[in-house]
């Protein structure tokens, strides 16, 4: 018992928790001849390795700043039959990363753009690719603030460094010339180096109105679309679906 307690204390000190949880069971199996010592030790090591992997994946997801945790399995493709499910599942295998492709989700509010972008992002983060999620409004505000405070280069490097940068809700409001130029600088830095995923409710023909300049809008689009997958979503709003379901449930009460 003293040696067992010493072993438990040692595992605790080393931060080896999963092996510690299953140690007694595996010792019992070895004593009963159900497993050899080496088999039991191998299984314990595999349990600890898997636990470390899960912890690392969860840490990557946590630091990616996702607004919620939803995967591709959570998406109701039956509600949006216009979406090519096979295409989305293929993107979720992450082949686009090696090809350094961008992904642009285009569609009206509530059709599932953010969900799909987040789902792909979570897969990226769990695969240990550096991933970060930010709304377009927050991104612009942070860049403008950094510019005023004379620390723009540092903030640009922060957003430029991620292997996958997800920019959500581009186009909900126009931006001024300074903000447009800052966004162009960021896109130019990431061009053909890293992948950018963007959700927008505005067709590309309207981007000149967002950026206040057709020339600047075309320059941004040129870099985003050069190597890209564009997913156009035309369908009903999930939010309206949920609202209708709530109203129907209340009516039946």
C-alpha atoms as a PDB file:
ATOM      1  CA  UNK A   1       0.000   0.000   0.000  1.00  0.00           C
ATOM      2  CA  UNK A   2       2.858   2.361   0.811  1.00  0.00           C
ATOM      3  CA  UNK A   3       4.410   1.825  -2.628  1.00  0.00           C
ATOM      4  CA  UNK A   4       1.000   2.303  -4.294  1.00  0.00           C
ATOM      5  CA  UNK A   5       0.459   5.591  -2.453  1.00  0.00           C
ATOM      6  CA  UNK A   6       3.961   6.690  -3.389  1.00  0.00           C
ATOM      7  CA  UNK A   7       3.205   5.923  -7.043  1.00  0.00           C
ATOM      8  CA  UNK A   8      -0.072   7.874  -6.898  1.00  0.00           C
ATOM      9  CA  UNK A   9       1.675  10.842  -5.305  1.00  0.00           C
ATOM     10  CA  UNK A  10       4.355  10.711  -7.967  1.00  0.00           C
ATOM     11  CA  UNK A  11       1.811  10.686 -10.792  1.00  0.00           C
ATOM     12  CA  UNK A  12       0.009  13.602  -9.155  1.00  0.00           C
ATOM     13  CA  UNK A  13       3.236  15.575  -8.853  1.00  0.00           C
ATOM     14  CA  UNK A  14       3.975  14.970 -12.535  1.00  0.00           C
ATOM     15  CA  UNK A  15       0.461  15.998 -13.568  1.00  0.00           C
ATOM     16  CA  UNK A  16      -0.319  12.538 -14.952  1.00  0.00           C
ATOM     17  CA  UNK A  17      -3.993  12.390 -14.067  1.00  0.00           C
ATOM     18  CA  UNK A  18      -5.632   9.951 -16.472  1.00  0.00           C
ATOM     19  CA  UNK A  19      -3.137   7.164 -15.695  1.00  0.00           C
ATOM     20  CA  UNK A  20      -3.797   7.809 -12.030  1.00  0.00           C
ATOM     21  CA  UNK A  21      -7.560   7.366 -12.499  1.00  0.00           C
ATOM     22  CA  UNK A  22      -7.153   3.972 -14.178  1.00  0.00           C
ATOM     23  CA  UNK A  23      -4.111   2.673 -12.310  1.00  0.00           C
ATOM     24  CA  UNK A  24      -5.928   0.583  -9.720  1.00  0.00           C
ATOM     25  CA  UNK A  25      -8.068  -1.146 -12.356  1.00  0.00           C
ATOM     26  CA  UNK A  26      -5.030  -2.061 -14.467  1.00  0.00           C
ATOM     27  CA  UNK A  27      -3.044  -3.284 -11.455  1.00  0.00           C
ATOM     28  CA  UNK A  28      -5.996  -5.517 -10.628  1.00  0.00           C
ATOM     29  CA  UNK A  29      -6.074  -6.911 -14.178  1.00  0.00           C
ATOM     30  CA  UNK A  30      -2.335  -7.639 -14.042  1.00  0.00           C
ATOM     31  CA  UNK A  31      -2.722  -9.417 -10.692  1.00  0.00           C
ATOM     32  CA  UNK A  32      -5.552 -11.559 -12.117  1.00  0.00           C
ATOM     33  CA  UNK A  33      -3.490 -12.448 -15.173  1.00  0.00           C
ATOM     34  CA  UNK A  34      -5.897 -10.683 -17.521  1.00  0.00           C
ATOM     35  CA  UNK A  35      -3.139  -8.446 -18.849  1.00  0.00           C
ATOM     36  CA  UNK A  36       0.622  -8.494 -18.838  1.00  0.00           C
ATOM     37  CA  UNK A  37       2.483  -5.680 -17.127  1.00  0.00           C
ATOM     38  CA  UNK A  38       3.608  -4.250 -20.473  1.00  0.00           C
ATOM     39  CA  UNK A  39       0.048  -4.397 -21.903  1.00  0.00           C
ATOM     40  CA  UNK A  40      -1.365  -2.598 -18.876  1.00  0.00           C
ATOM     41  CA  UNK A  41       1.365   0.038 -18.997  1.00  0.00           C
ATOM     42  CA  UNK A  42       0.825   0.569 -22.738  1.00  0.00           C
ATOM     43  CA  UNK A  43      -2.914   1.123 -22.212  1.00  0.00           C
ATOM     44  CA  UNK A  44      -2.264   3.558 -19.368  1.00  0.00           C
ATOM     45  CA  UNK A  45       0.164   5.545 -21.522  1.00  0.00           C
ATOM     46  CA  UNK A  46      -2.364   5.636 -24.394  1.00  0.00           C
ATOM     47  CA  UNK A  47      -5.065   6.901 -22.018  1.00  0.00           C
ATOM     48  CA  UNK A  48      -2.781   9.693 -20.811  1.00  0.00           C
ATOM     49  CA  UNK A  49      -1.731  10.621 -24.348  1.00  0.00           C
ATOM     50  CA  UNK A  50      -5.341  10.820 -25.498  1.00  0.00           C
ATOM     51  CA  UNK A  51      -6.252  12.924 -22.482  1.00  0.00           C
ATOM     52  CA  UNK A  52      -3.377  15.315 -23.207  1.00  0.00           C
ATOM     53  CA  UNK A  53      -4.485  15.560 -26.818  1.00  0.00           C
ATOM     54  CA  UNK A  54      -8.058  16.417 -25.818  1.00  0.00           C
ATOM     55  CA  UNK A  55      -6.837  19.035 -23.339  1.00  0.00           C
ATOM     56  CA  UNK A  56      -4.613  20.605 -26.005  1.00  0.00           C
ATOM     57  CA  UNK A  57      -7.480  20.647 -28.517  1.00  0.00           C
ATOM     58  CA  UNK A  58      -9.821  22.246 -25.993  1.00  0.00           C
ATOM     59  CA  UNK A  59      -7.212  24.875 -25.165  1.00  0.00           C
ATOM     60  CA  UNK A  60      -6.835  25.748 -28.858  1.00  0.00           C
ATOM     61  CA  UNK A  61     -10.597  26.056 -29.216  1.00  0.00           C
ATOM     62  CA  UNK A  62     -10.840  28.236 -26.101  1.00  0.00           C
ATOM     63  CA  UNK A  63      -8.161  30.690 -27.246  1.00  0.00           C
ATOM     64  CA  UNK A  64      -9.720  30.981 -30.728  1.00  0.00           C
ATOM     65  CA  UNK A  65     -12.440  33.301 -29.358  1.00  0.00           C
ATOM     66  CA  UNK A  66     -15.413  31.499 -30.933  1.00  0.00           C
ATOM     67  CA  UNK A  67     -18.831  33.022 -30.124  1.00  0.00           C
ATOM     68  CA  UNK A  68     -20.243  29.541 -29.476  1.00  0.00           C
ATOM     69  CA  UNK A  69     -19.260  25.895 -29.873  1.00  0.00           C
ATOM     70  CA  UNK A  70     -21.118  24.363 -32.809  1.00  0.00           C
ATOM     71  CA  UNK A  71     -19.740  21.786 -35.200  1.00  0.00           C
ATOM     72  CA  UNK A  72     -20.736  20.636 -38.661  1.00  0.00           C
ATOM     73  CA  UNK A  73     -22.742  17.830 -37.043  1.00  0.00           C
ATOM     74  CA  UNK A  74     -24.929  20.465 -35.376  1.00  0.00           C
ATOM     75  CA  UNK A  75     -25.889  22.121 -38.669  1.00  0.00           C
ATOM     76  CA  UNK A  76     -29.359  21.349 -40.042  1.00  0.00           C
ATOM     77  CA  UNK A  77     -28.626  20.809 -43.721  1.00  0.00           C
ATOM     78  CA  UNK A  78     -32.227  19.663 -44.258  1.00  0.00           C
ATOM     79  CA  UNK A  79     -33.408  23.175 -43.331  1.00  0.00           C
ATOM     80  CA  UNK A  80     -31.043  24.692 -45.921  1.00  0.00           C
ATOM     81  CA  UNK A  81     -31.334  22.300 -48.908  1.00  0.00           C
ATOM     82  CA  UNK A  82     -29.681  24.885 -51.165  1.00  0.00           C
ATOM     83  CA  UNK A  83     -26.347  24.238 -49.453  1.00  0.00           C
ATOM     84  CA  UNK A  84     -24.083  21.595 -50.969  1.00  0.00           C
ATOM     85  CA  UNK A  85     -23.496  19.407 -47.910  1.00  0.00           C
ATOM     86  CA  UNK A  86     -20.766  17.419 -49.656  1.00  0.00           C
ATOM     87  CA  UNK A  87     -18.866  20.630 -50.396  1.00  0.00           C
ATOM     88  CA  UNK A  88     -19.046  21.762 -46.760  1.00  0.00           C
ATOM     89  CA  UNK A  89     -17.948  18.383 -45.442  1.00  0.00           C
ATOM     90  CA  UNK A  90     -15.025  18.456 -47.858  1.00  0.00           C
ATOM     91  CA  UNK A  91     -13.994  21.898 -46.578  1.00  0.00           C
ATOM     92  CA  UNK A  92     -14.199  20.495 -43.060  1.00  0.00           C
ATOM     93  CA  UNK A  93     -11.432  18.004 -43.935  1.00  0.00           C
ATOM     94  CA  UNK A  94      -9.172  21.102 -44.035  1.00  0.00           C
ATOM     95  CA  UNK A  95      -7.626  20.511 -47.436  1.00  0.00           C
ATOM     96  CA  UNK A  96      -8.109  24.206 -48.147  1.00  0.00           C
ATOM     97  CA  UNK A  97      -5.368  25.049 -45.640  1.00  0.00           C
ATOM     98  CA  UNK A  98      -2.565  23.406 -47.620  1.00  0.00           C
ATOM     99  CA  UNK A  99      -3.920  25.106 -50.736  1.00  0.00           C
ATOM    100  CA  UNK A 100      -4.000  28.424 -48.829  1.00  0.00           C
ATOM    101  CA  UNK A 101      -7.564  29.064 -49.951  1.00  0.00           C
ATOM    102  CA  UNK A 102      -9.930  31.578 -48.410  1.00  0.00           C
ATOM    103  CA  UNK A 103     -13.577  30.737 -47.725  1.00  0.00           C
ATOM    104  CA  UNK A 104     -16.312  33.323 -48.158  1.00  0.00           C
ATOM    105  CA  UNK A 105     -19.858  32.676 -46.939  1.00  0.00           C
ATOM    106  CA  UNK A 106     -22.367  34.995 -48.619  1.00  0.00           C
ATOM    107  CA  UNK A 107     -26.036  35.171 -47.655  1.00  0.00           C
ATOM    108  CA  UNK A 108     -28.704  37.097 -45.832  1.00  0.00           C
ATOM    109  CA  UNK A 109     -28.929  37.310 -42.057  1.00  0.00           C
ATOM    110  CA  UNK A 110     -29.709  34.150 -40.123  1.00  0.00           C
ATOM    111  CA  UNK A 111     -29.053  31.530 -42.810  1.00  0.00           C
ATOM    112  CA  UNK A 112     -26.207  29.843 -40.940  1.00  0.00           C
ATOM    113  CA  UNK A 113     -23.057  31.560 -42.213  1.00  0.00           C
ATOM    114  CA  UNK A 114     -21.551  32.124 -38.771  1.00  0.00           C
ATOM    115  CA  UNK A 115     -22.398  28.590 -37.676  1.00  0.00           C
ATOM    116  CA  UNK A 116     -20.618  27.068 -40.688  1.00  0.00           C
ATOM    117  CA  UNK A 117     -17.605  29.374 -40.392  1.00  0.00           C
ATOM    118  CA  UNK A 118     -17.325  28.554 -36.699  1.00  0.00           C
ATOM    119  CA  UNK A 119     -17.703  24.818 -37.340  1.00  0.00           C
ATOM    120  CA  UNK A 120     -14.806  24.836 -39.803  1.00  0.00           C
ATOM    121  CA  UNK A 121     -12.812  27.017 -37.424  1.00  0.00           C
ATOM    122  CA  UNK A 122     -13.332  24.594 -34.550  1.00  0.00           C
ATOM    123  CA  UNK A 123     -12.100  21.744 -36.732  1.00  0.00           C
ATOM    124  CA  UNK A 124      -9.020  23.838 -37.561  1.00  0.00           C
ATOM    125  CA  UNK A 125      -8.369  24.633 -33.900  1.00  0.00           C
ATOM    126  CA  UNK A 126      -8.761  21.005 -32.840  1.00  0.00           C
ATOM    127  CA  UNK A 127      -6.256  20.071 -35.543  1.00  0.00           C
ATOM    128  CA  UNK A 128      -3.853  22.473 -33.764  1.00  0.00           C
ATOM    129  CA  UNK A 129      -3.854  25.171 -36.458  1.00  0.00           C
ATOM    130  CA  UNK A 130      -3.677  28.661 -34.967  1.00  0.00           C
ATOM    131  CA  UNK A 131      -7.198  30.024 -35.376  1.00  0.00           C
ATOM    132  CA  UNK A 132      -8.928  33.224 -34.312  1.00  0.00           C
ATOM    133  CA  UNK A 133     -12.519  34.462 -34.642  1.00  0.00           C
ATOM    134  CA  UNK A 134     -13.399  38.160 -34.683  1.00  0.00           C
ATOM    135  CA  UNK A 135     -16.355  40.202 -35.882  1.00  0.00           C
ATOM    136  CA  UNK A 136     -15.652  42.701 -38.633  1.00  0.00           C
ATOM    137  CA  UNK A 137     -16.791  45.558 -36.391  1.00  0.00           C
ATOM    138  CA  UNK A 138     -14.476  44.520 -33.550  1.00  0.00           C
ATOM    139  CA  UNK A 139     -11.588  44.032 -35.960  1.00  0.00           C
ATOM    140  CA  UNK A 140     -11.990  47.509 -37.455  1.00  0.00           C
ATOM    141  CA  UNK A 141     -12.401  49.134 -34.035  1.00  0.00           C
ATOM    142  CA  UNK A 142      -9.246  47.467 -32.731  1.00  0.00           C
ATOM    143  CA  UNK A 143      -7.191  48.454 -35.774  1.00  0.00           C
ATOM    144  CA  UNK A 144      -8.388  52.062 -35.627  1.00  0.00           C
ATOM    145  CA  UNK A 145      -7.702  52.272 -31.888  1.00  0.00           C
ATOM    146  CA  UNK A 146      -4.227  50.807 -32.368  1.00  0.00           C
ATOM    147  CA  UNK A 147      -3.546  53.316 -35.148  1.00  0.00           C
ATOM    148  CA  UNK A 148      -4.467  56.243 -32.884  1.00  0.00           C
ATOM    149  CA  UNK A 149      -2.330  54.834 -30.061  1.00  0.00           C
ATOM    150  CA  UNK A 150       0.680  54.333 -32.359  1.00  0.00           C
ATOM    151  CA  UNK A 151       0.705  50.547 -31.979  1.00  0.00           C
ATOM    152  CA  UNK A 152      -0.832  49.579 -35.307  1.00  0.00           C
ATOM    153  CA  UNK A 153       2.085  47.381 -36.375  1.00  0.00           C
ATOM    154  CA  UNK A 154       1.715  45.211 -33.279  1.00  0.00           C
ATOM    155  CA  UNK A 155      -2.025  44.765 -33.819  1.00  0.00           C
ATOM    156  CA  UNK A 156      -1.574  44.054 -37.517  1.00  0.00           C
ATOM    157  CA  UNK A 157       0.934  41.339 -36.651  1.00  0.00           C
ATOM    158  CA  UNK A 158      -1.532  39.848 -34.171  1.00  0.00           C
ATOM    159  CA  UNK A 159      -4.263  39.395 -36.787  1.00  0.00           C
ATOM    160  CA  UNK A 160      -1.853  38.534 -39.604  1.00  0.00           C
ATOM    161  CA  UNK A 161      -0.147  35.677 -37.739  1.00  0.00           C
ATOM    162  CA  UNK A 162      -3.069  33.252 -37.527  1.00  0.00           C
ATOM    163  CA  UNK A 163      -3.153  30.345 -39.935  1.00  0.00           C
ATOM    164  CA  UNK A 164      -6.934  30.760 -40.068  1.00  0.00           C
ATOM    165  CA  UNK A 165      -8.570  34.107 -39.342  1.00  0.00           C
ATOM    166  CA  UNK A 166     -12.377  34.158 -39.279  1.00  0.00           C
ATOM    167  CA  UNK A 167     -13.942  37.591 -39.859  1.00  0.00           C
ATOM    168  CA  UNK A 168     -17.668  37.603 -39.179  1.00  0.00           C
ATOM    169  CA  UNK A 169     -20.438  39.924 -40.408  1.00  0.00           C
ATOM    170  CA  UNK A 170     -18.648  42.028 -43.003  1.00  0.00           C
ATOM    171  CA  UNK A 171     -21.026  44.437 -44.644  1.00  0.00           C
ATOM    172  CA  UNK A 172     -23.591  45.180 -41.981  1.00  0.00           C
ATOM    173  CA  UNK A 173     -22.457  48.787 -41.950  1.00  0.00           C
ATOM    174  CA  UNK A 174     -20.237  50.980 -44.162  1.00  0.00           C
ATOM    175  CA  UNK A 175     -16.826  52.060 -42.870  1.00  0.00           C
ATOM    176  CA  UNK A 176     -14.792  55.218 -43.343  1.00  0.00           C
ATOM    177  CA  UNK A 177     -11.773  55.558 -45.612  1.00  0.00           C
ATOM    178  CA  UNK A 178      -9.226  55.039 -42.828  1.00  0.00           C
ATOM    179  CA  UNK A 179     -10.885  51.829 -41.696  1.00  0.00           C
ATOM    180  CA  UNK A 180     -11.149  50.588 -45.275  1.00  0.00           C
ATOM    181  CA  UNK A 181      -7.442  51.163 -45.817  1.00  0.00           C
ATOM    182  CA  UNK A 182      -6.566  49.370 -42.583  1.00  0.00           C
ATOM    183  CA  UNK A 183      -8.628  46.353 -43.611  1.00  0.00           C
ATOM    184  CA  UNK A 184      -6.949  46.294 -47.009  1.00  0.00           C
ATOM    185  CA  UNK A 185      -3.533  46.316 -45.326  1.00  0.00           C
ATOM    186  CA  UNK A 186      -4.497  43.289 -43.245  1.00  0.00           C
ATOM    187  CA  UNK A 187      -5.864  41.378 -46.233  1.00  0.00           C
ATOM    188  CA  UNK A 188      -2.709  42.209 -48.207  1.00  0.00           C
ATOM    189  CA  UNK A 189      -0.501  40.882 -45.391  1.00  0.00           C
ATOM    190  CA  UNK A 190      -2.383  37.592 -45.275  1.00  0.00           C
ATOM    191  CA  UNK A 191      -2.596  37.193 -49.063  1.00  0.00           C
ATOM    192  CA  UNK A 192      -1.161  33.840 -50.214  1.00  0.00           C
ATOM    193  CA  UNK A 193       0.278  33.235 -46.732  1.00  0.00           C
ATOM    194  CA  UNK A 194      -2.675  32.241 -44.559  1.00  0.00           C
ATOM    195  CA  UNK A 195      -6.368  31.393 -44.903  1.00  0.00           C
ATOM    196  CA  UNK A 196      -9.135  33.876 -44.182  1.00  0.00           C
ATOM    197  CA  UNK A 197     -12.764  32.889 -43.663  1.00  0.00           C
ATOM    198  CA  UNK A 198     -15.310  35.670 -44.095  1.00  0.00           C
ATOM    199  CA  UNK A 199     -19.066  35.827 -43.613  1.00  0.00           C
ATOM    200  CA  UNK A 200     -20.978  38.627 -45.321  1.00  0.00           C
ATOM    201  CA  UNK A 201     -24.573  39.557 -45.989  1.00  0.00           C
ATOM    202  CA  UNK A 202     -23.558  41.739 -48.931  1.00  0.00           C
ATOM    203  CA  UNK A 203     -23.012  40.507 -52.495  1.00  0.00           C
ATOM    204  CA  UNK A 204     -19.599  41.396 -53.858  1.00  0.00           C
ATOM    205  CA  UNK A 205     -21.152  43.982 -56.182  1.00  0.00           C
ATOM    206  CA  UNK A 206     -22.105  45.991 -53.070  1.00  0.00           C
ATOM    207  CA  UNK A 207     -18.678  45.992 -51.441  1.00  0.00           C
ATOM    208  CA  UNK A 208     -17.763  49.321 -53.036  1.00  0.00           C
ATOM    209  CA  UNK A 209     -20.540  50.842 -50.903  1.00  0.00           C
ATOM    210  CA  UNK A 210     -19.109  49.239 -47.762  1.00  0.00           C
ATOM    211  CA  UNK A 211     -15.571  50.463 -48.394  1.00  0.00           C
ATOM    212  CA  UNK A 212     -16.603  53.761 -49.975  1.00  0.00           C
ATOM    213  CA  UNK A 213     -14.395  53.104 -52.989  1.00  0.00           C
ATOM    214  CA  UNK A 214     -14.780  50.768 -55.932  1.00  0.00           C
ATOM    215  CA  UNK A 215     -11.007  50.699 -56.391  1.00  0.00           C
ATOM    216  CA  UNK A 216     -10.348  49.654 -52.799  1.00  0.00           C
ATOM    217  CA  UNK A 217     -13.194  47.143 -52.800  1.00  0.00           C
ATOM    218  CA  UNK A 218     -11.848  45.540 -55.971  1.00  0.00           C
ATOM    219  CA  UNK A 219      -8.347  45.393 -54.477  1.00  0.00           C
ATOM    220  CA  UNK A 220      -9.685  43.618 -51.382  1.00  0.00           C
ATOM    221  CA  UNK A 221     -11.820  41.222 -53.422  1.00  0.00           C
ATOM    222  CA  UNK A 222      -8.969  40.491 -55.813  1.00  0.00           C
ATOM    223  CA  UNK A 223      -6.841  39.167 -52.946  1.00  0.00           C
ATOM    224  CA  UNK A 224      -9.648  37.358 -51.159  1.00  0.00           C
ATOM    225  CA  UNK A 225     -11.085  35.657 -54.241  1.00  0.00           C
ATOM    226  CA  UNK A 226      -7.857  34.757 -56.030  1.00  0.00           C
ATOM    227  CA  UNK A 227      -7.590  31.443 -54.146  1.00  0.00           C
ATOM    228  CA  UNK A 228     -10.988  30.859 -52.612  1.00  0.00           C
ATOM    229  CA  UNK A 229     -14.157  28.867 -52.120  1.00  0.00           C
ATOM    230  CA  UNK A 230     -17.341  30.948 -52.215  1.00  0.00           C
ATOM    231  CA  UNK A 231     -20.392  29.474 -50.483  1.00  0.00           C
ATOM    232  CA  UNK A 232     -23.567  31.314 -51.427  1.00  0.00           C
ATOM    233  CA  UNK A 233     -26.469  30.548 -49.100  1.00  0.00           C
ATOM    234  CA  UNK A 234     -30.004  31.337 -50.197  1.00  0.00           C
ATOM    235  CA  UNK A 235     -32.634  30.104 -47.816  1.00  0.00           C
ATOM    236  CA  UNK A 236     -34.820  30.804 -44.784  1.00  0.00           C
ATOM    237  CA  UNK A 237     -33.523  32.234 -41.529  1.00  0.00           C
ATOM    238  CA  UNK A 238     -32.747  29.885 -38.648  1.00  0.00           C
ATOM    239  CA  UNK A 239     -33.732  32.629 -36.241  1.00  0.00           C
ATOM    240  CA  UNK A 240     -37.184  32.886 -37.824  1.00  0.00           C
ATOM    241  CA  UNK A 241     -37.446  29.098 -37.715  1.00  0.00           C
ATOM    242  CA  UNK A 242     -36.775  29.134 -33.982  1.00  0.00           C
ATOM    243  CA  UNK A 243     -39.218  32.001 -33.470  1.00  0.00           C
ATOM    244  CA  UNK A 244     -41.940  30.197 -35.417  1.00  0.00           C
ATOM    245  CA  UNK A 245     -41.371  27.025 -33.426  1.00  0.00           C
ATOM    246  CA  UNK A 246     -41.678  28.975 -30.163  1.00  0.00           C
ATOM    247  CA  UNK A 247     -44.900  30.668 -31.278  1.00  0.00           C
ATOM    248  CA  UNK A 248     -46.386  27.356 -32.414  1.00  0.00           C
ATOM    249  CA  UNK A 249     -45.504  25.745 -29.094  1.00  0.00           C
ATOM    250  CA  UNK A 250     -47.128  28.617 -27.197  1.00  0.00           C
ATOM    251  CA  UNK A 251     -50.238  28.375 -29.364  1.00  0.00           C
ATOM    252  CA  UNK A 252     -50.623  24.684 -28.537  1.00  0.00           C
ATOM    253  CA  UNK A 253     -50.484  25.293 -24.778  1.00  0.00           C
END
